[in-house]
Amino acid sequence: MERVGGDAGLVREVLDLFMDNMPEQMDGLRRAISAGDVQEAMLYAHTVKGMAANISAGPLCATASAAEKAAREGDLSPLAALAERMELELEALRAALDP
């Protein structure tokens, strides 16, 4: 709320856009991991990290950052588990936003 001057309508709009875009981002990340494409995985993880930071979703941002770092280092081994953790964090966020 602080970032948008207390405008609850804008907050809802930003959160809705975030949640609407996440399936595409996560699908892209999973495809990149399956294909062994570390560059593409890094880009998707970076995008999720930035989007999560914009809405102050700390746990998701941190996990996406770890995925981005692993991909940047060319280490595919933790990416599937990190993507799964990101999905769980998204579910928790979704539940918190839609009580």
PDB file of N, CA and C in Angstrom:
ATOM      1  N   MET A   1       0.820  -1.196   0.000  1.00  0.00           N
ATOM      2  CA  MET A   1       0.000   0.000   0.000  1.00  0.00           C
ATOM      3  C   MET A   1       0.862   1.257   0.000  1.00  0.00           C
ATOM      4  N   GLU A   2       1.968   1.170   0.711  1.00  0.00           N
ATOM      5  CA  GLU A   2       2.849   2.328   0.808  1.00  0.00           C
ATOM      6  C   GLU A   2       3.378   2.721  -0.571  1.00  0.00           C
ATOM      7  N   ARG A   3       3.711   1.730  -1.391  1.00  0.00           N
ATOM      8  CA  ARG A   3       4.286   2.001  -2.712  1.00  0.00           C
ATOM      9  C   ARG A   3       3.310   2.677  -3.657  1.00  0.00           C
ATOM     10  N   VAL A   4       2.022   2.519  -3.417  1.00  0.00           N
ATOM     11  CA  VAL A   4       1.025   3.099  -4.319  1.00  0.00           C
ATOM     12  C   VAL A   4       0.196   4.183  -3.637  1.00  0.00           C
ATOM     13  N   GLY A   5       0.743   4.755  -2.587  1.00  0.00           N
ATOM     14  CA  GLY A   5       0.077   5.866  -1.921  1.00  0.00           C
ATOM     15  C   GLY A   5      -1.256   5.502  -1.291  1.00  0.00           C
ATOM     16  N   GLY A   6      -1.398   4.248  -0.862  1.00  0.00           N
ATOM     17  CA  GLY A   6      -2.618   3.831  -0.191  1.00  0.00           C
ATOM     18  C   GLY A   6      -3.787   3.545  -1.113  1.00  0.00           C
ATOM     19  N   ASP A   7      -3.563   3.499  -2.405  1.00  0.00           N
ATOM     20  CA  ASP A   7      -4.635   3.265  -3.377  1.00  0.00           C
ATOM     21  C   ASP A   7      -4.972   1.767  -3.449  1.00  0.00           C
ATOM     22  N   ALA A   8      -6.000   1.362  -2.706  1.00  0.00           N
ATOM     23  CA  ALA A   8      -6.375  -0.057  -2.624  1.00  0.00           C
ATOM     24  C   ALA A   8      -6.782  -0.613  -3.983  1.00  0.00           C
ATOM     25  N   GLY A   9      -7.417   0.187  -4.803  1.00  0.00           N
ATOM     26  CA  GLY A   9      -7.806  -0.261  -6.143  1.00  0.00           C
ATOM     27  C   GLY A   9      -6.607  -0.577  -7.006  1.00  0.00           C
ATOM     28  N   LEU A  10      -5.600   0.269  -6.919  1.00  0.00           N
ATOM     29  CA  LEU A  10      -4.373   0.041  -7.687  1.00  0.00           C
ATOM     30  C   LEU A  10      -3.645  -1.201  -7.178  1.00  0.00           C
ATOM     31  N   VAL A  11      -3.638  -1.382  -5.863  1.00  0.00           N
ATOM     32  CA  VAL A  11      -3.018  -2.577  -5.291  1.00  0.00           C
ATOM     33  C   VAL A  11      -3.690  -3.821  -5.853  1.00  0.00           C
ATOM     34  N   ARG A  12      -4.999  -3.851  -5.861  1.00  0.00           N
ATOM     35  CA  ARG A  12      -5.738  -5.010  -6.363  1.00  0.00           C
ATOM     36  C   ARG A  12      -5.423  -5.234  -7.840  1.00  0.00           C
ATOM     37  N   GLU A  13      -5.357  -4.161  -8.604  1.00  0.00           N
ATOM     38  CA  GLU A  13      -5.057  -4.276 -10.032  1.00  0.00           C
ATOM     39  C   GLU A  13      -3.655  -4.857 -10.256  1.00  0.00           C
ATOM     40  N   VAL A  14      -2.681  -4.354  -9.515  1.00  0.00           N
ATOM     41  CA  VAL A  14      -1.312  -4.840  -9.649  1.00  0.00           C
ATOM     42  C   VAL A  14      -1.231  -6.314  -9.241  1.00  0.00           C
ATOM     43  N   LEU A  15      -1.877  -6.662  -8.138  1.00  0.00           N
ATOM     44  CA  LEU A  15      -1.854  -8.057  -7.684  1.00  0.00           C
ATOM     45  C   LEU A  15      -2.547  -8.982  -8.680  1.00  0.00           C
ATOM     46  N   ASP A  16      -3.662  -8.527  -9.239  1.00  0.00           N
ATOM     47  CA  ASP A  16      -4.356  -9.335 -10.247  1.00  0.00           C
ATOM     48  C   ASP A  16      -3.486  -9.551 -11.481  1.00  0.00           C
ATOM     49  N   LEU A  17      -2.815  -8.510 -11.937  1.00  0.00           N
ATOM     50  CA  LEU A  17      -1.910  -8.641 -13.085  1.00  0.00           C
ATOM     51  C   LEU A  17      -0.776  -9.610 -12.770  1.00  0.00           C
ATOM     52  N   PHE A  18      -0.241  -9.498 -11.578  1.00  0.00           N
ATOM     53  CA  PHE A  18       0.829 -10.393 -11.152  1.00  0.00           C
ATOM     54  C   PHE A  18       0.345 -11.848 -11.205  1.00  0.00           C
ATOM     55  N   MET A  19      -0.782 -12.120 -10.566  1.00  0.00           N
ATOM     56  CA  MET A  19      -1.281 -13.492 -10.506  1.00  0.00           C
ATOM     57  C   MET A  19      -1.692 -14.000 -11.887  1.00  0.00           C
ATOM     58  N   ASP A  20      -2.210 -13.137 -12.725  1.00  0.00           N
ATOM     59  CA  ASP A  20      -2.585 -13.542 -14.090  1.00  0.00           C
ATOM     60  C   ASP A  20      -1.366 -13.902 -14.928  1.00  0.00           C
ATOM     61  N   ASN A  21      -0.233 -13.247 -14.671  1.00  0.00           N
ATOM     62  CA  ASN A  21       0.973 -13.466 -15.465  1.00  0.00           C
ATOM     63  C   ASN A  21       1.830 -14.623 -14.965  1.00  0.00           C
ATOM     64  N   MET A  22       1.657 -15.006 -13.721  1.00  0.00           N
ATOM     65  CA  MET A  22       2.520 -16.035 -13.132  1.00  0.00           C
ATOM     66  C   MET A  22       2.437 -17.401 -13.828  1.00  0.00           C
ATOM     67  N   PRO A  23       1.266 -17.879 -14.233  1.00  0.00           N
ATOM     68  CA  PRO A  23       1.258 -19.186 -14.913  1.00  0.00           C
ATOM     69  C   PRO A  23       2.149 -19.212 -16.154  1.00  0.00           C
ATOM     70  N   GLU A  24       2.134 -18.159 -16.930  1.00  0.00           N
ATOM     71  CA  GLU A  24       2.973 -18.082 -18.130  1.00  0.00           C
ATOM     72  C   GLU A  24       4.451 -18.108 -17.759  1.00  0.00           C
ATOM     73  N   GLN A  25       4.813 -17.364 -16.733  1.00  0.00           N
ATOM     74  CA  GLN A  25       6.211 -17.317 -16.305  1.00  0.00           C
ATOM     75  C   GLN A  25       6.669 -18.679 -15.774  1.00  0.00           C
ATOM     76  N   MET A  26       5.835 -19.297 -14.957  1.00  0.00           N
ATOM     77  CA  MET A  26       6.201 -20.590 -14.378  1.00  0.00           C
ATOM     78  C   MET A  26       6.231 -21.682 -15.445  1.00  0.00           C
ATOM     79  N   ASP A  27       5.313 -21.645 -16.394  1.00  0.00           N
ATOM     80  CA  ASP A  27       5.344 -22.615 -17.503  1.00  0.00           C
ATOM     81  C   ASP A  27       6.636 -22.459 -18.295  1.00  0.00           C
ATOM     82  N   GLY A  28       7.013 -21.224 -18.573  1.00  0.00           N
ATOM     83  CA  GLY A  28       8.259 -20.971 -19.299  1.00  0.00           C
ATOM     84  C   GLY A  28       9.465 -21.475 -18.534  1.00  0.00           C
ATOM     85  N   LEU A  29       9.477 -21.264 -17.232  1.00  0.00           N
ATOM     86  CA  LEU A  29      10.584 -21.743 -16.409  1.00  0.00           C
ATOM     87  C   LEU A  29      10.658 -23.267 -16.445  1.00  0.00           C
ATOM     88  N   ARG A  30       9.524 -23.920 -16.292  1.00  0.00           N
ATOM     89  CA  ARG A  30       9.512 -25.386 -16.324  1.00  0.00           C
ATOM     90  C   ARG A  30       9.967 -25.918 -17.682  1.00  0.00           C
ATOM     91  N   ARG A  31       9.515 -25.290 -18.764  1.00  0.00           N
ATOM     92  CA  ARG A  31       9.945 -25.717 -20.105  1.00  0.00           C
ATOM     93  C   ARG A  31      11.459 -25.557 -20.269  1.00  0.00           C
ATOM     94  N   ALA A  32      11.983 -24.440 -19.799  1.00  0.00           N
ATOM     95  CA  ALA A  32      13.422 -24.197 -19.902  1.00  0.00           C
ATOM     96  C   ALA A  32      14.207 -25.229 -19.102  1.00  0.00           C
ATOM     97  N   ILE A  33      13.726 -25.550 -17.919  1.00  0.00           N
ATOM     98  CA  ILE A  33      14.400 -26.555 -17.093  1.00  0.00           C
ATOM     99  C   ILE A  33      14.366 -27.911 -17.797  1.00  0.00           C
ATOM    100  N   SER A  34      13.209 -28.283 -18.313  1.00  0.00           N
ATOM    101  CA  SER A  34      13.076 -29.570 -19.020  1.00  0.00           C
ATOM    102  C   SER A  34      13.989 -29.654 -20.232  1.00  0.00           C
ATOM    103  N   ALA A  35      14.157 -28.529 -20.909  1.00  0.00           N
ATOM    104  CA  ALA A  35      14.998 -28.490 -22.110  1.00  0.00           C
ATOM    105  C   ALA A  35      16.486 -28.344 -21.770  1.00  0.00           C
ATOM    106  N   GLY A  36      16.789 -28.119 -20.502  1.00  0.00           N
ATOM    107  CA  GLY A  36      18.180 -27.914 -20.116  1.00  0.00           C
ATOM    108  C   GLY A  36      18.732 -26.582 -20.568  1.00  0.00           C
ATOM    109  N   ASP A  37      17.852 -25.614 -20.783  1.00  0.00           N
ATOM    110  CA  ASP A  37      18.243 -24.295 -21.278  1.00  0.00           C
ATOM    111  C   ASP A  37      18.462 -23.344 -20.094  1.00  0.00           C
ATOM    112  N   VAL A  38      19.695 -23.269 -19.626  1.00  0.00           N
ATOM    113  CA  VAL A  38      19.983 -22.447 -18.452  1.00  0.00           C
ATOM    114  C   VAL A  38      19.776 -20.955 -18.711  1.00  0.00           C
ATOM    115  N   GLN A  39      20.044 -20.501 -19.915  1.00  0.00           N
ATOM    116  CA  GLN A  39      19.841 -19.079 -20.235  1.00  0.00           C
ATOM    117  C   GLN A  39      18.365 -18.711 -20.125  1.00  0.00           C
ATOM    118  N   GLU A  40      17.519 -19.533 -20.705  1.00  0.00           N
ATOM    119  CA  GLU A  40      16.080 -19.266 -20.662  1.00  0.00           C
ATOM    120  C   GLU A  40      15.561 -19.393 -19.224  1.00  0.00           C
ATOM    121  N   ALA A  41      16.037 -20.386 -18.508  1.00  0.00           N
ATOM    122  CA  ALA A  41      15.633 -20.561 -17.106  1.00  0.00           C
ATOM    123  C   ALA A  41      16.043 -19.338 -16.292  1.00  0.00           C
ATOM    124  N   MET A  42      17.243 -18.839 -16.547  1.00  0.00           N
ATOM    125  CA  MET A  42      17.718 -17.660 -15.836  1.00  0.00           C
ATOM    126  C   MET A  42      16.816 -16.461 -16.114  1.00  0.00           C
ATOM    127  N   LEU A  43      16.410 -16.278 -17.360  1.00  0.00           N
ATOM    128  CA  LEU A  43      15.551 -15.148 -17.713  1.00  0.00           C
ATOM    129  C   LEU A  43      14.182 -15.239 -17.038  1.00  0.00           C
ATOM    130  N   TYR A  44      13.585 -16.444 -17.053  1.00  0.00           N
ATOM    131  CA  TYR A  44      12.282 -16.596 -16.397  1.00  0.00           C
ATOM    132  C   TYR A  44      12.400 -16.392 -14.893  1.00  0.00           C
ATOM    133  N   ALA A  45      13.431 -16.956 -14.279  1.00  0.00           N
ATOM    134  CA  ALA A  45      13.613 -16.787 -12.840  1.00  0.00           C
ATOM    135  C   ALA A  45      13.835 -15.311 -12.503  1.00  0.00           C
ATOM    136  N   HIS A  46      14.603 -14.625 -13.329  1.00  0.00           N
ATOM    137  CA  HIS A  46      14.846 -13.195 -13.120  1.00  0.00           C
ATOM    138  C   HIS A  46      13.540 -12.399 -13.206  1.00  0.00           C
ATOM    139  N   THR A  47      12.710 -12.735 -14.170  1.00  0.00           N
ATOM    140  CA  THR A  47      11.430 -12.044 -14.326  1.00  0.00           C
ATOM    141  C   THR A  47      10.538 -12.261 -13.115  1.00  0.00           C
ATOM    142  N   VAL A  48      10.446 -13.509 -12.666  1.00  0.00           N
ATOM    143  CA  VAL A  48       9.629 -13.804 -11.482  1.00  0.00           C
ATOM    144  C   VAL A  48      10.184 -13.068 -10.271  1.00  0.00           C
ATOM    145  N   LYS A  49      11.501 -13.061 -10.127  1.00  0.00           N
ATOM    146  CA  LYS A  49      12.130 -12.364  -9.005  1.00  0.00           C
ATOM    147  C   LYS A  49      11.724 -10.894  -8.995  1.00  0.00           C
ATOM    148  N   GLY A  50      11.823 -10.241 -10.131  1.00  0.00           N
ATOM    149  CA  GLY A  50      11.474  -8.824 -10.207  1.00  0.00           C
ATOM    150  C   GLY A  50      10.010  -8.557  -9.949  1.00  0.00           C
ATOM    151  N   MET A  51       9.170  -9.402 -10.524  1.00  0.00           N
ATOM    152  CA  MET A  51       7.732  -9.221 -10.312  1.00  0.00           C
ATOM    153  C   MET A  51       7.370  -9.436  -8.846  1.00  0.00           C
ATOM    154  N   ALA A  52       7.977 -10.445  -8.219  1.00  0.00           N
ATOM    155  CA  ALA A  52       7.710 -10.717  -6.806  1.00  0.00           C
ATOM    156  C   ALA A  52       8.217  -9.560  -5.934  1.00  0.00           C
ATOM    157  N   ALA A  53       9.366  -9.011  -6.284  1.00  0.00           N
ATOM    158  CA  ALA A  53       9.893  -7.876  -5.527  1.00  0.00           C
ATOM    159  C   ALA A  53       8.961  -6.679  -5.623  1.00  0.00           C
ATOM    160  N   ASN A  54       8.377  -6.476  -6.780  1.00  0.00           N
ATOM    161  CA  ASN A  54       7.477  -5.339  -6.976  1.00  0.00           C
ATOM    162  C   ASN A  54       6.238  -5.396  -6.093  1.00  0.00           C
ATOM    163  N   ILE A  55       5.823  -6.598  -5.724  1.00  0.00           N
ATOM    164  CA  ILE A  55       4.640  -6.703  -4.853  1.00  0.00           C
ATOM    165  C   ILE A  55       5.033  -7.095  -3.425  1.00  0.00           C
ATOM    166  N   SER A  56       6.313  -7.049  -3.137  1.00  0.00           N
ATOM    167  CA  SER A  56       6.842  -7.359  -1.800  1.00  0.00           C
ATOM    168  C   SER A  56       6.549  -8.794  -1.369  1.00  0.00           C
ATOM    169  N   ALA A  57       6.613  -9.727  -2.310  1.00  0.00           N
ATOM    170  CA  ALA A  57       6.444 -11.153  -2.016  1.00  0.00           C
ATOM    171  C   ALA A  57       7.826 -11.733  -1.728  1.00  0.00           C
ATOM    172  N   GLY A  58       8.320 -11.479  -0.520  1.00  0.00           N
ATOM    173  CA  GLY A  58       9.680 -11.813  -0.137  1.00  0.00           C
ATOM    174  C   GLY A  58      10.098 -13.262  -0.345  1.00  0.00           C
ATOM    175  N   PRO A  59       9.323 -14.234   0.151  1.00  0.00           N
ATOM    176  CA  PRO A  59       9.744 -15.629  -0.026  1.00  0.00           C
ATOM    177  C   PRO A  59       9.846 -16.037  -1.499  1.00  0.00           C
ATOM    178  N   LEU A  60       8.885 -15.637  -2.302  1.00  0.00           N
ATOM    179  CA  LEU A  60       8.924 -15.959  -3.727  1.00  0.00           C
ATOM    180  C   LEU A  60      10.112 -15.275  -4.398  1.00  0.00           C
ATOM    181  N   CYS A  61      10.349 -14.052  -4.052  1.00  0.00           N
ATOM    182  CA  CYS A  61      11.478 -13.302  -4.609  1.00  0.00           C
ATOM    183  C   CYS A  61      12.796 -13.998  -4.270  1.00  0.00           C
ATOM    184  N   ALA A  62      12.940 -14.431  -3.023  1.00  0.00           N
ATOM    185  CA  ALA A  62      14.180 -15.091  -2.600  1.00  0.00           C
ATOM    186  C   ALA A  62      14.390 -16.417  -3.326  1.00  0.00           C
ATOM    187  N   THR A  63      13.325 -17.184  -3.499  1.00  0.00           N
ATOM    188  CA  THR A  63      13.450 -18.470  -4.187  1.00  0.00           C
ATOM    189  C   THR A  63      13.752 -18.265  -5.663  1.00  0.00           C
ATOM    190  N   ALA A  64      13.092 -17.300  -6.281  1.00  0.00           N
ATOM    191  CA  ALA A  64      13.367 -16.996  -7.684  1.00  0.00           C
ATOM    192  C   ALA A  64      14.804 -16.505  -7.847  1.00  0.00           C
ATOM    193  N   SER A  65      15.293 -15.758  -6.879  1.00  0.00           N
ATOM    194  CA  SER A  65      16.674 -15.288  -6.914  1.00  0.00           C
ATOM    195  C   SER A  65      17.646 -16.464  -6.839  1.00  0.00           C
ATOM    196  N   ALA A  66      17.344 -17.445  -5.998  1.00  0.00           N
ATOM    197  CA  ALA A  66      18.187 -18.642  -5.902  1.00  0.00           C
ATOM    198  C   ALA A  66      18.176 -19.411  -7.219  1.00  0.00           C
ATOM    199  N   ALA A  67      17.005 -19.489  -7.860  1.00  0.00           N
ATOM    200  CA  ALA A  67      16.901 -20.174  -9.153  1.00  0.00           C
ATOM    201  C   ALA A  67      17.693 -19.423 -10.216  1.00  0.00           C
ATOM    202  N   GLU A  68      17.589 -18.111 -10.202  1.00  0.00           N
ATOM    203  CA  GLU A  68      18.338 -17.298 -11.168  1.00  0.00           C
ATOM    204  C   GLU A  68      19.844 -17.507 -10.986  1.00  0.00           C
ATOM    205  N   LYS A  69      20.295 -17.505  -9.747  1.00  0.00           N
ATOM    206  CA  LYS A  69      21.716 -17.687  -9.450  1.00  0.00           C
ATOM    207  C   LYS A  69      22.199 -19.061  -9.921  1.00  0.00           C
ATOM    208  N   ALA A  70      21.426 -20.103  -9.625  1.00  0.00           N
ATOM    209  CA  ALA A  70      21.810 -21.450 -10.048  1.00  0.00           C
ATOM    210  C   ALA A  70      21.905 -21.526 -11.566  1.00  0.00           C
ATOM    211  N   ALA A  71      20.916 -20.955 -12.256  1.00  0.00           N
ATOM    212  CA  ALA A  71      20.930 -20.980 -13.720  1.00  0.00           C
ATOM    213  C   ALA A  71      22.112 -20.181 -14.260  1.00  0.00           C
ATOM    214  N   ARG A  72      22.377 -19.040 -13.665  1.00  0.00           N
ATOM    215  CA  ARG A  72      23.509 -18.211 -14.114  1.00  0.00           C
ATOM    216  C   ARG A  72      24.823 -18.983 -13.987  1.00  0.00           C
ATOM    217  N   GLU A  73      24.907 -19.813 -12.952  1.00  0.00           N
ATOM    218  CA  GLU A  73      26.111 -20.614 -12.727  1.00  0.00           C
ATOM    219  C   GLU A  73      26.102 -21.904 -13.542  1.00  0.00           C
ATOM    220  N   GLY A  74      25.026 -22.114 -14.330  1.00  0.00           N
ATOM    221  CA  GLY A  74      24.938 -23.303 -15.173  1.00  0.00           C
ATOM    222  C   GLY A  74      24.578 -24.570 -14.427  1.00  0.00           C
ATOM    223  N   ASP A  75      24.025 -24.424 -13.214  1.00  0.00           N
ATOM    224  CA  ASP A  75      23.693 -25.569 -12.374  1.00  0.00           C
ATOM    225  C   ASP A  75      22.201 -25.870 -12.460  1.00  0.00           C
ATOM    226  N   LEU A  76      21.849 -26.847 -13.280  1.00  0.00           N
ATOM    227  CA  LEU A  76      20.449 -27.231 -13.436  1.00  0.00           C
ATOM    228  C   LEU A  76      19.918 -28.072 -12.276  1.00  0.00           C
ATOM    229  N   SER A  77      20.807 -28.689 -11.509  1.00  0.00           N
ATOM    230  CA  SER A  77      20.375 -29.664 -10.510  1.00  0.00           C
ATOM    231  C   SER A  77      19.357 -29.137  -9.491  1.00  0.00           C
ATOM    232  N   PRO A  78      19.466 -27.916  -8.968  1.00  0.00           N
ATOM    233  CA  PRO A  78      18.466 -27.473  -7.993  1.00  0.00           C
ATOM    234  C   PRO A  78      17.227 -26.817  -8.613  1.00  0.00           C
ATOM    235  N   LEU A  79      17.224 -26.611  -9.924  1.00  0.00           N
ATOM    236  CA  LEU A  79      16.166 -25.790 -10.523  1.00  0.00           C
ATOM    237  C   LEU A  79      14.778 -26.408 -10.412  1.00  0.00           C
ATOM    238  N   ALA A  80      14.645 -27.711 -10.600  1.00  0.00           N
ATOM    239  CA  ALA A  80      13.315 -28.325 -10.515  1.00  0.00           C
ATOM    240  C   ALA A  80      12.740 -28.162  -9.107  1.00  0.00           C
ATOM    241  N   ALA A  81      13.563 -28.393  -8.092  1.00  0.00           N
ATOM    242  CA  ALA A  81      13.096 -28.244  -6.711  1.00  0.00           C
ATOM    243  C   ALA A  81      12.768 -26.783  -6.398  1.00  0.00           C
ATOM    244  N   LEU A  82      13.584 -25.872  -6.912  1.00  0.00           N
ATOM    245  CA  LEU A  82      13.306 -24.445  -6.683  1.00  0.00           C
ATOM    246  C   LEU A  82      12.019 -24.018  -7.381  1.00  0.00           C
ATOM    247  N   ALA A  83      11.779 -24.522  -8.581  1.00  0.00           N
ATOM    248  CA  ALA A  83      10.533 -24.200  -9.292  1.00  0.00           C
ATOM    249  C   ALA A  83       9.331 -24.736  -8.521  1.00  0.00           C
ATOM    250  N   GLU A  84       9.468 -25.923  -7.962  1.00  0.00           N
ATOM    251  CA  GLU A  84       8.384 -26.491  -7.154  1.00  0.00           C
ATOM    252  C   GLU A  84       8.126 -25.629  -5.920  1.00  0.00           C
ATOM    253  N   ARG A  85       9.193 -25.179  -5.287  1.00  0.00           N
ATOM    254  CA  ARG A  85       9.044 -24.299  -4.130  1.00  0.00           C
ATOM    255  C   ARG A  85       8.381 -22.984  -4.521  1.00  0.00           C
ATOM    256  N   MET A  86       8.730 -22.468  -5.693  1.00  0.00           N
ATOM    257  CA  MET A  86       8.096 -21.239  -6.175  1.00  0.00           C
ATOM    258  C   MET A  86       6.598 -21.455  -6.360  1.00  0.00           C
ATOM    259  N   GLU A  87       6.223 -22.610  -6.881  1.00  0.00           N
ATOM    260  CA  GLU A  87       4.791 -22.919  -7.059  1.00  0.00           C
ATOM    261  C   GLU A  87       4.075 -22.938  -5.706  1.00  0.00           C
ATOM    262  N   LEU A  88       4.706 -23.546  -4.701  1.00  0.00           N
ATOM    263  CA  LEU A  88       4.105 -23.582  -3.365  1.00  0.00           C
ATOM    264  C   LEU A  88       3.975 -22.181  -2.782  1.00  0.00           C
ATOM    265  N   GLU A  89       4.974 -21.353  -3.006  1.00  0.00           N
ATOM    266  CA  GLU A  89       4.915 -19.977  -2.512  1.00  0.00           C
ATOM    267  C   GLU A  89       3.834 -19.179  -3.235  1.00  0.00           C
ATOM    268  N   LEU A  90       3.656 -19.460  -4.523  1.00  0.00           N
ATOM    269  CA  LEU A  90       2.572 -18.810  -5.265  1.00  0.00           C
ATOM    270  C   LEU A  90       1.207 -19.238  -4.737  1.00  0.00           C
ATOM    271  N   GLU A  91       1.068 -20.519  -4.418  1.00  0.00           N
ATOM    272  CA  GLU A  91      -0.195 -21.010  -3.858  1.00  0.00           C
ATOM    273  C   GLU A  91      -0.489 -20.347  -2.516  1.00  0.00           C
ATOM    274  N   ALA A  92       0.525 -20.207  -1.687  1.00  0.00           N
ATOM    275  CA  ALA A  92       0.350 -19.540  -0.400  1.00  0.00           C
ATOM    276  C   ALA A  92      -0.041 -18.082  -0.599  1.00  0.00           C
ATOM    277  N   LEU A  93       0.580 -17.443  -1.555  1.00  0.00           N
ATOM    278  CA  LEU A  93       0.243 -16.052  -1.864  1.00  0.00           C
ATOM    279  C   LEU A  93      -1.189 -15.946  -2.372  1.00  0.00           C
ATOM    280  N   ARG A  94      -1.554 -16.850  -3.268  1.00  0.00           N
ATOM    281  CA  ARG A  94      -2.919 -16.862  -3.801  1.00  0.00           C
ATOM    282  C   ARG A  94      -3.935 -17.029  -2.674  1.00  0.00           C
ATOM    283  N   ALA A  95      -3.660 -17.942  -1.753  1.00  0.00           N
ATOM    284  CA  ALA A  95      -4.551 -18.176  -0.618  1.00  0.00           C
ATOM    285  C   ALA A  95      -4.644 -16.935   0.272  1.00  0.00           C
ATOM    286  N   ALA A  96      -3.529 -16.261   0.465  1.00  0.00           N
ATOM    287  CA  ALA A  96      -3.532 -15.051   1.304  1.00  0.00           C
ATOM    288  C   ALA A  96      -4.298 -13.906   0.647  1.00  0.00           C
ATOM    289  N   LEU A  97      -4.277 -13.863  -0.679  1.00  0.00           N
ATOM    290  CA  LEU A  97      -4.949 -12.768  -1.392  1.00  0.00           C
ATOM    291  C   LEU A  97      -6.443 -13.015  -1.552  1.00  0.00           C
ATOM    292  N   ASP A  98      -6.853 -14.274  -1.531  1.00  0.00           N
ATOM    293  CA  ASP A  98      -8.277 -14.626  -1.709  1.00  0.00           C
ATOM    294  C   ASP A  98      -8.769 -15.409  -0.512  1.00  0.00           C
ATOM    295  N   PRO A  99      -8.950 -14.719   0.620  1.00  0.00           N
ATOM    296  CA  PRO A  99      -9.377 -15.410   1.854  1.00  0.00           C
ATOM    297  C   PRO A  99     -10.772 -16.002   1.749  1.00  0.00           C
TER     298      PRO A  99
END
